[in-house]
C-alpha cells in the first residue's frame, strides 16, 4: 500500500497554511454543534465549552486562516458563548476573530 504524497504548501511566517486547518475546524464544528444539541436536550455534554474555546484559539494561533475559516471560527465562538450563558460562565474571546 503506497501513501499519496501531499503537495508542498508554502507557510506564511510561523503559521501553517489554511488548507491544513480544515480537518481540525470540521472536527471542532461538529463537536460544538453536537454539544449545542445535547445542551438543548439537557443531556450530559462531556467536554465543556471552555475546552472547545481553547481549541479554537489554538487553531487561530496555529494556522493562517482565510476569511471563510475566520467566519466559521467566529460563528463557533458565538455558539460557545451561548452555551456559557446557559451554564453561567464566561471567558474572553480570541482577538484573532474578526
N, C-alpha and C. Protein backbone atom coordinates (compact mmCIF):
# COMPACT_ATOMS: atom_id res chain seq x y z
N UNK A 1 0.84 -1.16 0.00
CA UNK A 1 0.00 0.00 0.00
C UNK A 1 0.89 1.24 0.00
N UNK A 2 0.69 2.11 -0.93
CA UNK A 2 1.52 3.31 -1.01
C UNK A 2 0.74 4.53 -0.53
N UNK A 3 1.45 5.42 0.12
CA UNK A 3 0.84 6.65 0.61
C UNK A 3 0.81 7.68 -0.50
N UNK A 4 -0.25 8.43 -0.54
CA UNK A 4 -0.37 9.51 -1.52
C UNK A 4 0.41 10.69 -0.99
N UNK A 5 1.39 11.18 -1.76
CA UNK A 5 2.19 12.31 -1.26
C UNK A 5 1.35 13.58 -1.21
N UNK A 6 1.54 14.34 -0.14
CA UNK A 6 0.84 15.62 0.00
C UNK A 6 1.64 16.70 -0.72
N UNK A 7 0.95 17.62 -1.39
CA UNK A 7 1.67 18.69 -2.06
C UNK A 7 2.35 19.61 -1.06
N UNK A 8 3.48 20.16 -1.47
CA UNK A 8 4.17 21.13 -0.63
C UNK A 8 3.37 22.42 -0.65
N UNK A 9 3.03 22.89 0.55
CA UNK A 9 2.25 24.12 0.67
C UNK A 9 3.12 25.12 1.41
N UNK A 10 3.31 26.32 0.82
CA UNK A 10 4.17 27.30 1.49
C UNK A 10 3.57 27.78 2.80
N UNK A 11 4.41 28.03 3.78
CA UNK A 11 3.98 28.54 5.08
C UNK A 11 4.09 30.05 5.10
N UNK A 12 3.14 30.69 5.79
CA UNK A 12 3.15 32.14 5.94
C UNK A 12 3.70 32.46 7.32
N UNK A 13 4.92 32.96 7.37
CA UNK A 13 5.54 33.26 8.66
C UNK A 13 5.66 32.00 9.48
N UNK A 14 5.21 32.06 10.71
CA UNK A 14 5.25 30.89 11.58
C UNK A 14 3.95 30.10 11.57
N UNK A 15 2.98 30.55 10.78
CA UNK A 15 1.68 29.89 10.75
C UNK A 15 1.63 28.81 9.68
N UNK A 16 0.87 27.76 9.97
CA UNK A 16 0.65 26.71 8.99
C UNK A 16 -0.36 27.19 7.96
N UNK A 17 -0.34 26.63 6.75
CA UNK A 17 -1.28 27.06 5.71
C UNK A 17 -2.72 26.73 6.06
N UNK A 18 -3.63 27.57 5.57
CA UNK A 18 -5.05 27.44 5.88
C UNK A 18 -5.62 26.10 5.44
N UNK A 19 -5.14 25.56 4.36
CA UNK A 19 -5.70 24.31 3.85
C UNK A 19 -5.57 23.18 4.87
N UNK A 20 -4.58 23.25 5.72
CA UNK A 20 -4.38 22.22 6.73
C UNK A 20 -5.32 22.38 7.92
N UNK A 21 -5.97 23.52 8.05
CA UNK A 21 -6.84 23.79 9.19
C UNK A 21 -8.23 23.20 9.00
N UNK A 22 -8.60 22.87 7.78
CA UNK A 22 -9.97 22.44 7.51
C UNK A 22 -10.39 21.20 8.30
N UNK A 23 -9.54 20.21 8.38
CA UNK A 23 -9.90 18.98 9.11
C UNK A 23 -10.12 19.29 10.59
N UNK A 24 -9.25 20.08 11.17
CA UNK A 24 -9.39 20.46 12.58
C UNK A 24 -10.65 21.29 12.79
N UNK A 25 -10.88 22.24 11.90
CA UNK A 25 -12.05 23.10 12.00
C UNK A 25 -13.33 22.29 11.83
N UNK A 26 -13.35 21.35 10.91
CA UNK A 26 -14.51 20.47 10.71
C UNK A 26 -14.83 19.70 11.99
N UNK A 27 -13.80 19.16 12.62
CA UNK A 27 -13.99 18.39 13.85
C UNK A 27 -14.57 19.26 14.97
N UNK A 28 -13.97 20.42 15.19
CA UNK A 28 -14.44 21.31 16.25
C UNK A 28 -15.88 21.73 15.96
N UNK A 29 -16.16 22.03 14.70
CA UNK A 29 -17.51 22.45 14.32
C UNK A 29 -18.54 21.35 14.62
N UNK A 30 -18.23 20.11 14.25
CA UNK A 30 -19.15 19.01 14.53
C UNK A 30 -19.37 18.84 16.03
N UNK A 31 -18.30 18.92 16.80
CA UNK A 31 -18.41 18.70 18.24
C UNK A 31 -19.17 19.84 18.93
N UNK A 32 -18.95 21.07 18.51
CA UNK A 32 -19.67 22.19 19.10
C UNK A 32 -21.16 22.09 18.76
N UNK A 33 -21.47 21.71 17.54
CA UNK A 33 -22.88 21.55 17.16
C UNK A 33 -23.52 20.42 17.96
N UNK A 34 -22.79 19.32 18.13
CA UNK A 34 -23.29 18.21 18.94
C UNK A 34 -23.54 18.68 20.38
N UNK A 35 -22.56 19.39 20.92
CA UNK A 35 -22.67 19.88 22.28
C UNK A 35 -23.88 20.81 22.42
N UNK A 36 -24.12 21.66 21.43
CA UNK A 36 -25.27 22.58 21.47
C UNK A 36 -26.58 21.81 21.44
N UNK A 37 -26.66 20.78 20.60
CA UNK A 37 -27.88 19.97 20.55
C UNK A 37 -28.08 19.22 21.86
N UNK A 38 -27.03 18.67 22.40
CA UNK A 38 -27.12 17.93 23.65
C UNK A 38 -27.54 18.84 24.79
N UNK A 39 -27.04 20.07 24.77
CA UNK A 39 -27.38 21.02 25.82
C UNK A 39 -28.86 21.39 25.74
N UNK A 40 -29.37 21.59 24.53
CA UNK A 40 -30.78 21.94 24.39
C UNK A 40 -31.68 20.78 24.79
N UNK A 41 -31.18 19.54 24.66
CA UNK A 41 -31.93 18.37 25.09
C UNK A 41 -31.67 18.04 26.55
N UNK A 42 -30.82 18.84 27.21
CA UNK A 42 -30.46 18.67 28.62
C UNK A 42 -29.85 17.29 28.90
N UNK A 43 -29.02 16.83 27.98
CA UNK A 43 -28.28 15.59 28.20
C UNK A 43 -26.85 15.94 28.58
N UNK A 44 -26.12 15.04 29.23
CA UNK A 44 -24.73 15.33 29.61
C UNK A 44 -23.89 15.66 28.37
N UNK A 45 -23.02 16.66 28.49
CA UNK A 45 -22.25 17.15 27.35
C UNK A 45 -20.86 16.60 27.26
N UNK A 46 -20.30 16.11 28.33
CA UNK A 46 -18.91 15.68 28.26
C UNK A 46 -17.99 16.88 28.41
N UNK A 47 -17.21 17.17 27.40
CA UNK A 47 -16.24 18.27 27.43
C UNK A 47 -16.99 19.60 27.35
N UNK A 48 -16.62 20.54 28.21
CA UNK A 48 -17.34 21.80 28.28
C UNK A 48 -16.90 22.81 27.22
N UNK A 49 -17.62 23.92 27.18
CA UNK A 49 -17.38 24.97 26.18
C UNK A 49 -15.98 25.56 26.28
N UNK A 50 -15.44 25.65 27.50
CA UNK A 50 -14.10 26.22 27.66
C UNK A 50 -13.04 25.42 26.90
N UNK A 51 -13.18 24.10 26.92
CA UNK A 51 -12.24 23.26 26.19
C UNK A 51 -12.28 23.59 24.69
N UNK A 52 -13.47 23.71 24.14
CA UNK A 52 -13.59 23.98 22.70
C UNK A 52 -13.13 25.39 22.35
N UNK A 53 -13.32 26.34 23.26
CA UNK A 53 -12.79 27.69 23.03
C UNK A 53 -11.27 27.66 22.97
N UNK A 54 -10.66 26.88 23.85
CA UNK A 54 -9.20 26.76 23.82
C UNK A 54 -8.75 26.14 22.51
N UNK A 55 -9.47 25.15 22.03
CA UNK A 55 -9.12 24.52 20.75
C UNK A 55 -9.23 25.52 19.61
N UNK A 56 -10.28 26.35 19.64
CA UNK A 56 -10.45 27.36 18.59
C UNK A 56 -9.35 28.42 18.66
N UNK A 57 -8.99 28.86 19.85
CA UNK A 57 -7.91 29.85 19.98
C UNK A 57 -6.59 29.27 19.49
N UNK A 58 -6.34 28.00 19.79
CA UNK A 58 -5.13 27.34 19.30
C UNK A 58 -5.15 27.23 17.78
N UNK A 59 -6.29 26.95 17.21
CA UNK A 59 -6.43 26.87 15.76
C UNK A 59 -6.11 28.22 15.12
N UNK A 60 -6.64 29.29 15.71
CA UNK A 60 -6.36 30.64 15.20
C UNK A 60 -4.88 30.99 15.29
N UNK A 61 -4.24 30.56 16.36
CA UNK A 61 -2.84 30.90 16.57
C UNK A 61 -1.89 30.05 15.73
N UNK A 62 -2.37 28.91 15.27
CA UNK A 62 -1.51 27.96 14.56
C UNK A 62 -1.59 28.08 13.05
N UNK A 63 -2.76 28.42 12.53
CA UNK A 63 -2.98 28.41 11.08
C UNK A 63 -3.22 29.81 10.54
N UNK A 64 -2.83 30.01 9.29
CA UNK A 64 -3.07 31.26 8.57
C UNK A 64 -4.45 31.15 7.92
N UNK A 65 -5.50 31.39 8.71
CA UNK A 65 -6.86 31.17 8.26
C UNK A 65 -7.29 32.17 7.20
N UNK A 66 -8.11 31.70 6.26
CA UNK A 66 -8.69 32.58 5.24
C UNK A 66 -9.99 33.12 5.79
N UNK A 67 -10.60 34.06 5.08
CA UNK A 67 -11.79 34.76 5.58
C UNK A 67 -12.94 33.81 5.91
N UNK A 68 -13.21 32.83 5.07
CA UNK A 68 -14.32 31.91 5.34
C UNK A 68 -14.06 31.08 6.60
N UNK A 69 -12.82 30.70 6.80
CA UNK A 69 -12.47 29.95 8.01
C UNK A 69 -12.62 30.83 9.25
N UNK A 70 -12.21 32.10 9.15
CA UNK A 70 -12.36 33.01 10.29
C UNK A 70 -13.83 33.22 10.63
N UNK A 71 -14.70 33.27 9.61
CA UNK A 71 -16.14 33.40 9.86
C UNK A 71 -16.69 32.16 10.55
N UNK A 72 -16.23 30.99 10.14
CA UNK A 72 -16.65 29.75 10.80
C UNK A 72 -16.22 29.75 12.26
N UNK A 73 -14.99 30.18 12.52
CA UNK A 73 -14.49 30.24 13.89
C UNK A 73 -15.33 31.23 14.70
N UNK A 74 -15.64 32.38 14.13
CA UNK A 74 -16.45 33.39 14.83
C UNK A 74 -17.83 32.82 15.17
N UNK A 75 -18.43 32.10 14.23
CA UNK A 75 -19.74 31.50 14.48
C UNK A 75 -19.66 30.46 15.60
N UNK A 76 -18.59 29.69 15.63
CA UNK A 76 -18.41 28.70 16.68
C UNK A 76 -18.22 29.37 18.05
N UNK A 77 -17.48 30.47 18.08
CA UNK A 77 -17.34 31.22 19.34
C UNK A 77 -18.70 31.71 19.82
N UNK A 78 -19.54 32.17 18.89
CA UNK A 78 -20.88 32.64 19.26
C UNK A 78 -21.71 31.50 19.85
N UNK A 79 -21.65 30.32 19.24
CA UNK A 79 -22.36 29.17 19.78
C UNK A 79 -21.86 28.82 21.18
N UNK A 80 -20.55 28.85 21.34
CA UNK A 80 -19.97 28.51 22.64
C UNK A 80 -20.30 29.56 23.69
N UNK A 81 -20.35 30.82 23.31
CA UNK A 81 -20.72 31.86 24.27
C UNK A 81 -22.16 31.69 24.70
N UNK A 82 -23.02 31.26 23.78
CA UNK A 82 -24.40 30.95 24.14
C UNK A 82 -24.47 29.82 25.14
N UNK A 83 -23.62 28.82 24.96
CA UNK A 83 -23.55 27.70 25.90
C UNK A 83 -23.06 28.18 27.26
N UNK A 84 -22.11 29.12 27.26
CA UNK A 84 -21.60 29.66 28.52
C UNK A 84 -22.68 30.44 29.27
N UNK A 85 -23.49 31.18 28.54
CA UNK A 85 -24.54 31.96 29.18
C UNK A 85 -25.56 31.05 29.84
N UNK A 86 -25.82 29.92 29.21
CA UNK A 86 -26.75 28.96 29.79
C UNK A 86 -26.16 28.33 31.04
N UNK A 87 -24.85 28.00 30.98
CA UNK A 87 -24.22 27.35 32.13
C UNK A 87 -23.73 28.35 33.17
N UNK A 88 -23.69 29.65 32.83
CA UNK A 88 -23.33 30.67 33.81
C UNK A 88 -21.88 31.10 33.83
N UNK A 89 -21.03 30.60 32.92
CA UNK A 89 -19.63 31.04 32.90
C UNK A 89 -19.35 31.81 31.62
N UNK A 90 -18.38 32.72 31.71
CA UNK A 90 -17.97 33.47 30.53
C UNK A 90 -16.47 33.55 30.49
N UNK A 91 -15.92 33.59 29.29
CA UNK A 91 -14.48 33.72 29.10
C UNK A 91 -14.24 34.63 27.92
N UNK A 92 -13.13 35.36 27.88
CA UNK A 92 -12.87 36.27 26.78
C UNK A 92 -12.66 35.54 25.47
N UNK A 93 -13.16 36.14 24.40
CA UNK A 93 -12.96 35.60 23.06
C UNK A 93 -11.58 35.95 22.59
N UNK A 94 -11.16 35.25 21.56
CA UNK A 94 -9.84 35.50 20.98
C UNK A 94 -9.85 36.82 20.23
N UNK A 95 -8.72 37.47 20.21
CA UNK A 95 -8.58 38.73 19.49
C UNK A 95 -8.39 38.50 18.00
N UNK A 96 -8.16 37.24 17.59
CA UNK A 96 -7.88 36.94 16.19
C UNK A 96 -9.14 36.94 15.34
N UNK A 97 -10.30 36.72 15.90
CA UNK A 97 -11.52 36.61 15.12
C UNK A 97 -12.00 37.99 14.75
N UNK A 98 -12.34 38.15 13.48
CA UNK A 98 -12.85 39.45 13.03
C UNK A 98 -14.27 39.35 12.56
